[in-house]
C-alpha atoms as a PDB file:
ATOM      1  CA  MET A   1     -86.688-204.978-118.016  1.00  0.00           C
ATOM      2  CA  VAL A   2     -88.182-206.454-121.307  1.00  0.00           C
ATOM      3  CA  LEU A   3     -86.582-205.685-124.653  1.00  0.00           C
ATOM      4  CA  THR A   4     -86.960-206.952-128.002  1.00  0.00           C
ATOM      5  CA  VAL A   5     -83.878-208.178-130.078  1.00  0.00           C
ATOM      6  CA  PRO A   6     -83.733-204.853-131.906  1.00  0.00           C
ATOM      7  CA  GLU A   7     -84.420-202.843-128.837  1.00  0.00           C
ATOM      8  CA  ALA A   8     -81.464-204.646-127.175  1.00  0.00           C
ATOM      9  CA  GLY A   9     -79.226-203.750-130.127  1.00  0.00           C
ATOM     10  CA  PHE A  10     -78.972-207.458-131.077  1.00  0.00           C
ATOM     11  CA  ALA A  11     -80.684-207.262-134.511  1.00  0.00           C
ATOM     12  CA  GLY A  12     -78.828-209.165-137.203  1.00  0.00           C
ATOM     13  CA  LEU A  13     -77.358-211.635-134.704  1.00  0.00           C
ATOM     14  CA  LYS A  14     -77.994-215.404-135.271  1.00  0.00           C
ATOM     15  CA  ASN A  15     -78.164-218.456-133.132  1.00  0.00           C
ATOM     16  CA  GLY A  16     -75.394-218.767-130.678  1.00  0.00           C
ATOM     17  CA  GLN A  17     -74.019-215.244-131.145  1.00  0.00           C
ATOM     18  CA  LEU A  18     -77.506-213.842-130.153  1.00  0.00           C
ATOM     19  CA  LEU A  19     -77.677-216.010-127.119  1.00  0.00           C
ATOM     20  CA  ARG A  20     -74.162-215.205-125.981  1.00  0.00           C
ATOM     21  CA  GLU A  21     -75.137-211.452-126.093  1.00  0.00           C
ATOM     22  CA  ALA A  22     -78.324-212.184-124.206  1.00  0.00           C
ATOM     23  CA  GLU A  23     -76.799-214.425-121.578  1.00  0.00           C
ATOM     24  CA  GLY A  24     -74.401-211.679-120.347  1.00  0.00           C
ATOM     25  CA  ASN A  25     -77.328-209.040-120.179  1.00  0.00           C
ATOM     26  CA  PHE A  26     -80.485-210.849-119.235  1.00  0.00           C
ATOM     27  CA  ASP A  27     -81.879-213.631-116.956  1.00  0.00           C
ATOM     28  CA  ALA A  28     -84.419-214.982-119.443  1.00  0.00           C
ATOM     29  CA  PHE A  29     -84.568-215.437-123.191  1.00  0.00           C
ATOM     30  CA  ILE A  30     -88.221-215.445-124.406  1.00  0.00           C
ATOM     31  CA  THR A  31     -88.884-216.750-127.890  1.00  0.00           C
ATOM     32  CA  THR A  32     -91.414-218.125-130.237  1.00  0.00           C
ATOM     33  CA  ASP A  33     -88.805-220.384-131.939  1.00  0.00           C
ATOM     34  CA  LYS A  34     -90.034-223.789-131.596  1.00  0.00           C
ATOM     35  CA  SER A  35     -86.765-225.285-132.853  1.00  0.00           C
ATOM     36  CA  LEU A  36     -84.489-223.601-130.187  1.00  0.00           C
ATOM     37  CA  GLN A  37     -84.245-226.608-128.051  1.00  0.00           C
ATOM     38  CA  HIS A  38     -83.272-228.714-131.037  1.00  0.00           C
ATOM     39  CA  GLN A  39     -80.604-226.101-132.178  1.00  0.00           C
ATOM     40  CA  GLN A  40     -78.928-225.373-129.004  1.00  0.00           C
ATOM     41  CA  ASN A  41     -77.720-227.283-125.804  1.00  0.00           C
ATOM     42  CA  LEU A  42     -79.995-225.184-123.507  1.00  0.00           C
ATOM     43  CA  SER A  43     -78.330-226.754-120.330  1.00  0.00           C
ATOM     44  CA  ALA A  44     -74.887-225.235-121.324  1.00  0.00           C
ATOM     45  CA  TRP A  45     -76.254-221.727-121.074  1.00  0.00           C
ATOM     46  CA  SER A  46     -76.531-219.579-117.753  1.00  0.00           C
ATOM     47  CA  ILE A  47     -79.759-217.956-118.937  1.00  0.00           C
ATOM     48  CA  ALA A  48     -83.292-219.385-118.720  1.00  0.00           C
ATOM     49  CA  PHE A  49     -85.362-220.035-121.879  1.00  0.00           C
ATOM     50  CA  VAL A  50     -89.095-219.442-122.269  1.00  0.00           C
ATOM     51  CA  LEU A  51     -90.985-220.637-125.345  1.00  0.00           C
ATOM     52  CA  LEU A  52     -94.325-218.859-126.046  1.00  0.00           C
ATOM     53  CA  ARG A  53     -96.314-221.272-128.073  1.00  0.00           C
ATOM     54  CA  ALA A  54     -98.916-219.256-130.235  1.00  0.00           C
ATOM     55  CA  VAL A  55    -100.421-219.414-133.548  1.00  0.00           C
ATOM     56  CA  SER A  56     -97.986-216.726-134.779  1.00  0.00           C
ATOM     57  CA  ASN A  57     -95.638-214.208-133.321  1.00  0.00           C
ATOM     58  CA  ASP A  58     -98.246-211.412-133.835  1.00  0.00           C
ATOM     59  CA  ILE A  59     -98.862-209.437-130.793  1.00  0.00           C
ATOM     60  CA  ALA A  60    -102.636-210.441-130.825  1.00  0.00           C
ATOM     61  CA  ASP A  61    -101.583-214.052-130.573  1.00  0.00           C
ATOM     62  CA  LEU A  62     -98.956-213.522-127.976  1.00  0.00           C
ATOM     63  CA  GLU A  63    -100.702-211.105-125.626  1.00  0.00           C
ATOM     64  CA  PRO A  64    -102.986-213.772-124.242  1.00  0.00           C
ATOM     65  CA  LEU A  65     -99.839-215.731-122.923  1.00  0.00           C
ATOM     66  CA  VAL A  66     -98.591-212.735-121.082  1.00  0.00           C
ATOM     67  CA  PRO A  67    -100.334-213.341-117.709  1.00  0.00           C
ATOM     68  CA  GLN A  68     -99.191-216.888-117.546  1.00  0.00           C
ATOM     69  CA  LEU A  69     -95.507-215.731-118.560  1.00  0.00           C
ATOM     70  CA  VAL A  70     -95.533-213.173-115.798  1.00  0.00           C
ATOM     71  CA  ALA A  71     -96.827-215.679-113.219  1.00  0.00           C
ATOM     72  CA  ARG A  72     -94.094-218.232-114.232  1.00  0.00           C
ATOM     73  CA  LEU A  73     -91.021-215.937-114.761  1.00  0.00           C
ATOM     74  CA  ALA A  74     -90.008-216.179-111.050  1.00  0.00           C
ATOM     75  CA  ASP A  75     -89.756-220.047-111.375  1.00  0.00           C
ATOM     76  CA  VAL A  76     -87.522-220.186-114.529  1.00  0.00           C
ATOM     77  CA  ALA A  77     -84.101-221.439-114.053  1.00  0.00           C
ATOM     78  CA  PRO A  78     -80.884-221.017-116.194  1.00  0.00           C
ATOM     79  CA  GLY A  79     -80.281-223.740-118.701  1.00  0.00           C
ATOM     80  CA  THR A  80     -83.721-224.818-118.797  1.00  0.00           C
ATOM     81  CA  LEU A  81     -86.827-224.290-121.034  1.00  0.00           C
ATOM     82  CA  THR A  82     -90.239-223.230-119.927  1.00  0.00           C
ATOM     83  CA  ILE A  83     -93.045-223.635-122.308  1.00  0.00           C
ATOM     84  CA  ILE A  84     -96.099-221.402-122.170  1.00  0.00           C
ATOM     85  CA  GLY A  85     -99.109-221.832-124.232  1.00  0.00           C
END
């Protein structure tokens, strides 16, 4: 299942609090936040992280990355960062 932060009921949560909620409910955290790996010790989390590198977080810029994302999701591992784009 894929949900946005608001759809998951996590709107308004910041940084570690958001990740703690996601960690207990999802296998992977997909983001466009290029600073995430500098703000958090990703290896300490039991959730996989995927960074989508696009010009913006507009759907038109993210949509071309979806096939690569789908192809690589089976290989992501908890506590690691996979970069797509």
